[in-house]
Amino acid sequence: MRNLAKRLAGWFAAGSESGVTAIEYALAASLIAMAIAGAAGLLGTNLAGLYSNVANKIPAPPGG
């Protein structure tokens, strides 16, 4: 546990740039995750509409 605390303190020390780099990577990863989530949401909505259109065009089975 002390090693972790020392590493974190080293990252966020005034002269250290590794903390800044870690924060930049975290921000970049969060932006990429948000873009993927947004794209998946739009794709899901579009696919739901597509499946609804296809389902509406398929005729009902005879006698049912």
PDB file of N, CA and C in Angstrom:
ATOM      1  N   MET A   1       0.829  -1.194   0.000  1.00  0.00           N
ATOM      2  CA  MET A   1       0.000   0.000   0.000  1.00  0.00           C
ATOM      3  C   MET A   1       0.872   1.256   0.000  1.00  0.00           C
ATOM      4  N   ARG A   2       1.982   1.181   0.705  1.00  0.00           N
ATOM      5  CA  ARG A   2       2.864   2.348   0.738  1.00  0.00           C
ATOM      6  C   ARG A   2       3.501   2.599  -0.616  1.00  0.00           C
ATOM      7  N   ASN A   3       3.803   1.512  -1.335  1.00  0.00           N
ATOM      8  CA  ASN A   3       4.367   1.686  -2.667  1.00  0.00           C
ATOM      9  C   ASN A   3       3.391   2.401  -3.579  1.00  0.00           C
ATOM     10  N   LEU A   4       2.117   2.043  -3.474  1.00  0.00           N
ATOM     11  CA  LEU A   4       1.096   2.708  -4.284  1.00  0.00           C
ATOM     12  C   LEU A   4       1.014   4.182  -3.938  1.00  0.00           C
ATOM     13  N   ALA A   5       1.031   4.489  -2.664  1.00  0.00           N
ATOM     14  CA  ALA A   5       0.978   5.889  -2.234  1.00  0.00           C
ATOM     15  C   ALA A   5       2.197   6.657  -2.735  1.00  0.00           C
ATOM     16  N   LYS A   6       3.368   6.028  -2.682  1.00  0.00           N
ATOM     17  CA  LYS A   6       4.575   6.694  -3.173  1.00  0.00           C
ATOM     18  C   LYS A   6       4.507   6.923  -4.676  1.00  0.00           C
ATOM     19  N   ARG A   7       3.977   5.932  -5.400  1.00  0.00           N
ATOM     20  CA  ARG A   7       3.867   6.087  -6.852  1.00  0.00           C
ATOM     21  C   ARG A   7       2.895   7.201  -7.206  1.00  0.00           C
ATOM     22  N   LEU A   8       1.765   7.235  -6.501  1.00  0.00           N
ATOM     23  CA  LEU A   8       0.790   8.298  -6.767  1.00  0.00           C
ATOM     24  C   LEU A   8       1.370   9.658  -6.422  1.00  0.00           C
ATOM     25  N   ALA A   9       2.077   9.739  -5.309  1.00  0.00           N
ATOM     26  CA  ALA A   9       2.707  11.002  -4.930  1.00  0.00           C
ATOM     27  C   ALA A   9       3.742  11.413  -5.973  1.00  0.00           C
ATOM     28  N   GLY A  10       4.457  10.448  -6.519  1.00  0.00           N
ATOM     29  CA  GLY A  10       5.437  10.743  -7.563  1.00  0.00           C
ATOM     30  C   GLY A  10       4.785  11.240  -8.841  1.00  0.00           C
ATOM     31  N   TRP A  11       3.630  10.670  -9.151  1.00  0.00           N
ATOM     32  CA  TRP A  11       2.917  11.103 -10.356  1.00  0.00           C
ATOM     33  C   TRP A  11       2.469  12.540 -10.254  1.00  0.00           C
ATOM     34  N   PHE A  12       1.986  12.912  -9.090  1.00  0.00           N
ATOM     35  CA  PHE A  12       1.399  14.236  -8.936  1.00  0.00           C
ATOM     36  C   PHE A  12       2.363  15.247  -8.325  1.00  0.00           C
ATOM     37  N   ALA A  13       3.648  14.923  -8.281  1.00  0.00           N
ATOM     38  CA  ALA A  13       4.650  15.855  -7.782  1.00  0.00           C
ATOM     39  C   ALA A  13       4.775  17.028  -8.754  1.00  0.00           C
ATOM     40  N   ALA A  14       5.245  18.157  -8.222  1.00  0.00           N
ATOM     41  CA  ALA A  14       5.303  19.382  -9.031  1.00  0.00           C
ATOM     42  C   ALA A  14       6.203  19.239 -10.245  1.00  0.00           C
ATOM     43  N   GLY A  15       7.328  18.541 -10.112  1.00  0.00           N
ATOM     44  CA  GLY A  15       8.268  18.428 -11.221  1.00  0.00           C
ATOM     45  C   GLY A  15       8.011  17.237 -12.121  1.00  0.00           C
ATOM     46  N   SER A  16       7.036  16.436 -11.794  1.00  0.00           N
ATOM     47  CA  SER A  16       6.784  15.210 -12.552  1.00  0.00           C
ATOM     48  C   SER A  16       5.781  15.460 -13.662  1.00  0.00           C
ATOM     49  N   GLU A  17       6.057  14.893 -14.818  1.00  0.00           N
ATOM     50  CA  GLU A  17       5.117  15.012 -15.936  1.00  0.00           C
ATOM     51  C   GLU A  17       4.331  13.739 -16.159  1.00  0.00           C
ATOM     52  N   SER A  18       4.647  12.677 -15.429  1.00  0.00           N
ATOM     53  CA  SER A  18       3.939  11.417 -15.641  1.00  0.00           C
ATOM     54  C   SER A  18       2.483  11.517 -15.185  1.00  0.00           C
ATOM     55  N   GLY A  19       2.207  12.328 -14.154  1.00  0.00           N
ATOM     56  CA  GLY A  19       0.826  12.527 -13.728  1.00  0.00           C
ATOM     57  C   GLY A  19       0.022  13.237 -14.796  1.00  0.00           C
ATOM     58  N   VAL A  20       0.635  14.223 -15.421  1.00  0.00           N
ATOM     59  CA  VAL A  20      -0.031  14.946 -16.502  1.00  0.00           C
ATOM     60  C   VAL A  20      -0.304  14.005 -17.664  1.00  0.00           C
ATOM     61  N   THR A  21       0.665  13.170 -17.974  1.00  0.00           N
ATOM     62  CA  THR A  21       0.493  12.215 -19.065  1.00  0.00           C
ATOM     63  C   THR A  21      -0.618  11.229 -18.750  1.00  0.00           C
ATOM     64  N   ALA A  22      -0.678  10.761 -17.507  1.00  0.00           N
ATOM     65  CA  ALA A  22      -1.728   9.829 -17.113  1.00  0.00           C
ATOM     66  C   ALA A  22      -3.096  10.487 -17.230  1.00  0.00           C
ATOM     67  N   ILE A  23      -3.190  11.734 -16.844  1.00  0.00           N
ATOM     68  CA  ILE A  23      -4.470  12.451 -16.946  1.00  0.00           C
ATOM     69  C   ILE A  23      -4.850  12.635 -18.412  1.00  0.00           C
ATOM     70  N   GLU A  24      -3.882  12.960 -19.255  1.00  0.00           N
ATOM     71  CA  GLU A  24      -4.169  13.118 -20.688  1.00  0.00           C
ATOM     72  C   GLU A  24      -4.660  11.805 -21.294  1.00  0.00           C
ATOM     73  N   TYR A  25      -4.013  10.698 -20.927  1.00  0.00           N
ATOM     74  CA  TYR A  25      -4.462   9.403 -21.434  1.00  0.00           C
ATOM     75  C   TYR A  25      -5.865   9.075 -20.939  1.00  0.00           C
ATOM     76  N   ALA A  26      -6.141   9.397 -19.692  1.00  0.00           N
ATOM     77  CA  ALA A  26      -7.474   9.140 -19.142  1.00  0.00           C
ATOM     78  C   ALA A  26      -8.528   9.971 -19.873  1.00  0.00           C
ATOM     79  N   LEU A  27      -8.215  11.218 -20.151  1.00  0.00           N
ATOM     80  CA  LEU A  27      -9.154  12.069 -20.889  1.00  0.00           C
ATOM     81  C   LEU A  27      -9.369  11.557 -22.308  1.00  0.00           C
ATOM     82  N   ALA A  28      -8.300  11.153 -22.953  1.00  0.00           N
ATOM     83  CA  ALA A  28      -8.417  10.629 -24.314  1.00  0.00           C
ATOM     84  C   ALA A  28      -9.246   9.347 -24.319  1.00  0.00           C
ATOM     85  N   ALA A  29      -8.997   8.474 -23.356  1.00  0.00           N
ATOM     86  CA  ALA A  29      -9.766   7.229 -23.273  1.00  0.00           C
ATOM     87  C   ALA A  29     -11.238   7.499 -22.999  1.00  0.00           C
ATOM     88  N   SER A  30     -11.530   8.488 -22.152  1.00  0.00           N
ATOM     89  CA  SER A  30     -12.934   8.799 -21.868  1.00  0.00           C
ATOM     90  C   SER A  30     -13.627   9.395 -23.093  1.00  0.00           C
ATOM     91  N   LEU A  31     -12.917  10.213 -23.863  1.00  0.00           N
ATOM     92  CA  LEU A  31     -13.520  10.765 -25.082  1.00  0.00           C
ATOM     93  C   LEU A  31     -13.795   9.659 -26.105  1.00  0.00           C
ATOM     94  N   ILE A  32     -12.864   8.731 -26.236  1.00  0.00           N
ATOM     95  CA  ILE A  32     -13.068   7.612 -27.156  1.00  0.00           C
ATOM     96  C   ILE A  32     -14.245   6.759 -26.701  1.00  0.00           C
ATOM     97  N   ALA A  33     -14.343   6.512 -25.392  1.00  0.00           N
ATOM     98  CA  ALA A  33     -15.456   5.720 -24.856  1.00  0.00           C
ATOM     99  C   ALA A  33     -16.787   6.420 -25.100  1.00  0.00           C
ATOM    100  N   MET A  34     -16.817   7.737 -24.937  1.00  0.00           N
ATOM    101  CA  MET A  34     -18.063   8.478 -25.186  1.00  0.00           C
ATOM    102  C   MET A  34     -18.437   8.418 -26.662  1.00  0.00           C
ATOM    103  N   ALA A  35     -17.461   8.506 -27.547  1.00  0.00           N
ATOM    104  CA  ALA A  35     -17.742   8.422 -28.982  1.00  0.00           C
ATOM    105  C   ALA A  35     -18.279   7.040 -29.350  1.00  0.00           C
ATOM    106  N   ILE A  36     -17.687   6.002 -28.781  1.00  0.00           N
ATOM    107  CA  ILE A  36     -18.165   4.644 -29.053  1.00  0.00           C
ATOM    108  C   ILE A  36     -19.583   4.463 -28.524  1.00  0.00           C
ATOM    109  N   ALA A  37     -19.843   4.958 -27.321  1.00  0.00           N
ATOM    110  CA  ALA A  37     -21.187   4.830 -26.743  1.00  0.00           C
ATOM    111  C   ALA A  37     -22.215   5.586 -27.580  1.00  0.00           C
ATOM    112  N   GLY A  38     -21.863   6.773 -28.031  1.00  0.00           N
ATOM    113  CA  GLY A  38     -22.783   7.544 -28.868  1.00  0.00           C
ATOM    114  C   GLY A  38     -23.050   6.863 -30.198  1.00  0.00           C
ATOM    115  N   ALA A  39     -21.999   6.341 -30.813  1.00  0.00           N
ATOM    116  CA  ALA A  39     -22.169   5.644 -32.085  1.00  0.00           C
ATOM    117  C   ALA A  39     -23.009   4.386 -31.912  1.00  0.00           C
ATOM    118  N   ALA A  40     -22.780   3.670 -30.826  1.00  0.00           N
ATOM    119  CA  ALA A  40     -23.564   2.460 -30.570  1.00  0.00           C
ATOM    120  C   ALA A  40     -25.028   2.803 -30.328  1.00  0.00           C
ATOM    121  N   GLY A  41     -25.278   3.901 -29.650  1.00  0.00           N
ATOM    122  CA  GLY A  41     -26.660   4.339 -29.426  1.00  0.00           C
ATOM    123  C   GLY A  41     -27.365   4.688 -30.727  1.00  0.00           C
ATOM    124  N   LEU A  42     -26.682   5.431 -31.583  1.00  0.00           N
ATOM    125  CA  LEU A  42     -27.273   5.792 -32.878  1.00  0.00           C
ATOM    126  C   LEU A  42     -27.474   4.559 -33.754  1.00  0.00           C
ATOM    127  N   LEU A  43     -26.491   3.691 -33.763  1.00  0.00           N
ATOM    128  CA  LEU A  43     -26.597   2.475 -34.557  1.00  0.00           C
ATOM    129  C   LEU A  43     -27.743   1.608 -34.056  1.00  0.00           C
ATOM    130  N   GLY A  44     -27.892   1.505 -32.744  1.00  0.00           N
ATOM    131  CA  GLY A  44     -28.985   0.722 -32.170  1.00  0.00           C
ATOM    132  C   GLY A  44     -30.348   1.282 -32.554  1.00  0.00           C
ATOM    133  N   THR A  45     -30.477   2.594 -32.516  1.00  0.00           N
ATOM    134  CA  THR A  45     -31.742   3.237 -32.896  1.00  0.00           C
ATOM    135  C   THR A  45     -32.032   2.995 -34.368  1.00  0.00           C
ATOM    136  N   ASN A  46     -31.022   3.144 -35.203  1.00  0.00           N
ATOM    137  CA  ASN A  46     -31.215   2.920 -36.639  1.00  0.00           C
ATOM    138  C   ASN A  46     -31.555   1.466 -36.932  1.00  0.00           C
ATOM    139  N   LEU A  47     -30.905   0.540 -36.252  1.00  0.00           N
ATOM    140  CA  LEU A  47     -31.206  -0.877 -36.472  1.00  0.00           C
ATOM    141  C   LEU A  47     -32.612  -1.222 -36.007  1.00  0.00           C
ATOM    142  N   ALA A  48     -33.054  -0.629 -34.909  1.00  0.00           N
ATOM    143  CA  ALA A  48     -34.415  -0.888 -34.430  1.00  0.00           C
ATOM    144  C   ALA A  48     -35.433  -0.416 -35.473  1.00  0.00           C
ATOM    145  N   GLY A  49     -35.186   0.743 -36.059  1.00  0.00           N
ATOM    146  CA  GLY A  49     -36.073   1.233 -37.115  1.00  0.00           C
ATOM    147  C   GLY A  49     -36.056   0.348 -38.343  1.00  0.00           C
ATOM    148  N   LEU A  50     -34.871  -0.112 -38.717  1.00  0.00           N
ATOM    149  CA  LEU A  50     -34.743  -0.993 -39.872  1.00  0.00           C
ATOM    150  C   LEU A  50     -35.498  -2.297 -39.646  1.00  0.00           C
ATOM    151  N   TYR A  51     -35.330  -2.907 -38.484  1.00  0.00           N
ATOM    152  CA  TYR A  51     -36.016  -4.165 -38.180  1.00  0.00           C
ATOM    153  C   TYR A  51     -37.531  -3.969 -38.130  1.00  0.00           C
ATOM    154  N   SER A  52     -37.969  -2.835 -37.625  1.00  0.00           N
ATOM    155  CA  SER A  52     -39.408  -2.555 -37.598  1.00  0.00           C
ATOM    156  C   SER A  52     -39.959  -2.453 -39.016  1.00  0.00           C
ATOM    157  N   ASN A  53     -39.233  -1.769 -39.891  1.00  0.00           N
ATOM    158  CA  ASN A  53     -39.678  -1.650 -41.282  1.00  0.00           C
ATOM    159  C   ASN A  53     -39.735  -3.017 -41.964  1.00  0.00           C
ATOM    160  N   VAL A  54     -38.720  -3.825 -41.753  1.00  0.00           N
ATOM    161  CA  VAL A  54     -38.695  -5.155 -42.363  1.00  0.00           C
ATOM    162  C   VAL A  54     -39.831  -6.005 -41.806  1.00  0.00           C
ATOM    163  N   ALA A  55     -40.049  -5.940 -40.493  1.00  0.00           N
ATOM    164  CA  ALA A  55     -41.115  -6.732 -39.871  1.00  0.00           C
ATOM    165  C   ALA A  55     -42.486  -6.319 -40.394  1.00  0.00           C
ATOM    166  N   ASN A  56     -42.668  -5.032 -40.653  1.00  0.00           N
ATOM    167  CA  ASN A  56     -43.961  -4.553 -41.162  1.00  0.00           C
ATOM    168  C   ASN A  56     -44.191  -4.970 -42.613  1.00  0.00           C
ATOM    169  N   LYS A  57     -43.138  -5.194 -43.368  1.00  0.00           N
ATOM    170  CA  LYS A  57     -43.284  -5.568 -44.777  1.00  0.00           C
ATOM    171  C   LYS A  57     -43.457  -7.064 -44.981  1.00  0.00           C
ATOM    172  N   ILE A  58     -43.167  -7.858 -43.977  1.00  0.00           N
ATOM    173  CA  ILE A  58     -43.336  -9.306 -44.091  1.00  0.00           C
ATOM    174  C   ILE A  58     -44.810  -9.633 -43.891  1.00  0.00           C
ATOM    175  N   PRO A  59     -45.411 -10.318 -44.846  1.00  0.00           N
ATOM    176  CA  PRO A  59     -46.837 -10.614 -44.705  1.00  0.00           C
ATOM    177  C   PRO A  59     -47.090 -11.646 -43.609  1.00  0.00           C
ATOM    178  N   ALA A  60     -48.273 -11.578 -43.049  1.00  0.00           N
ATOM    179  CA  ALA A  60     -48.672 -12.537 -42.000  1.00  0.00           C
ATOM    180  C   ALA A  60     -48.821 -13.922 -42.624  1.00  0.00           C
ATOM    181  N   PRO A  61     -48.546 -14.974 -41.890  1.00  0.00           N
ATOM    182  CA  PRO A  61     -48.699 -16.313 -42.437  1.00  0.00           C
ATOM    183  C   PRO A  61     -50.177 -16.608 -42.700  1.00  0.00           C
ATOM    184  N   PRO A  62     -50.463 -17.388 -43.726  1.00  0.00           N
ATOM    185  CA  PRO A  62     -51.861 -17.683 -44.036  1.00  0.00           C
ATOM    186  C   PRO A  62     -52.507 -18.509 -42.918  1.00  0.00           C
ATOM    187  N   GLY A  63     -53.741 -18.181 -42.635  1.00  0.00           N
ATOM    188  CA  GLY A  63     -54.510 -18.896 -41.617  1.00  0.00           C
ATOM    189  C   GLY A  63     -54.132 -18.496 -40.211  1.00  0.00           C
ATOM    190  N   GLY A  64     -53.334 -17.461 -40.031  1.00  0.00           N
ATOM    191  CA  GLY A  64     -52.903 -17.115 -38.690  1.00  0.00           C
ATOM    192  C   GLY A  64     -53.311 -15.759 -38.381  1.00  0.00           C
TER     193      GLY A  64
END
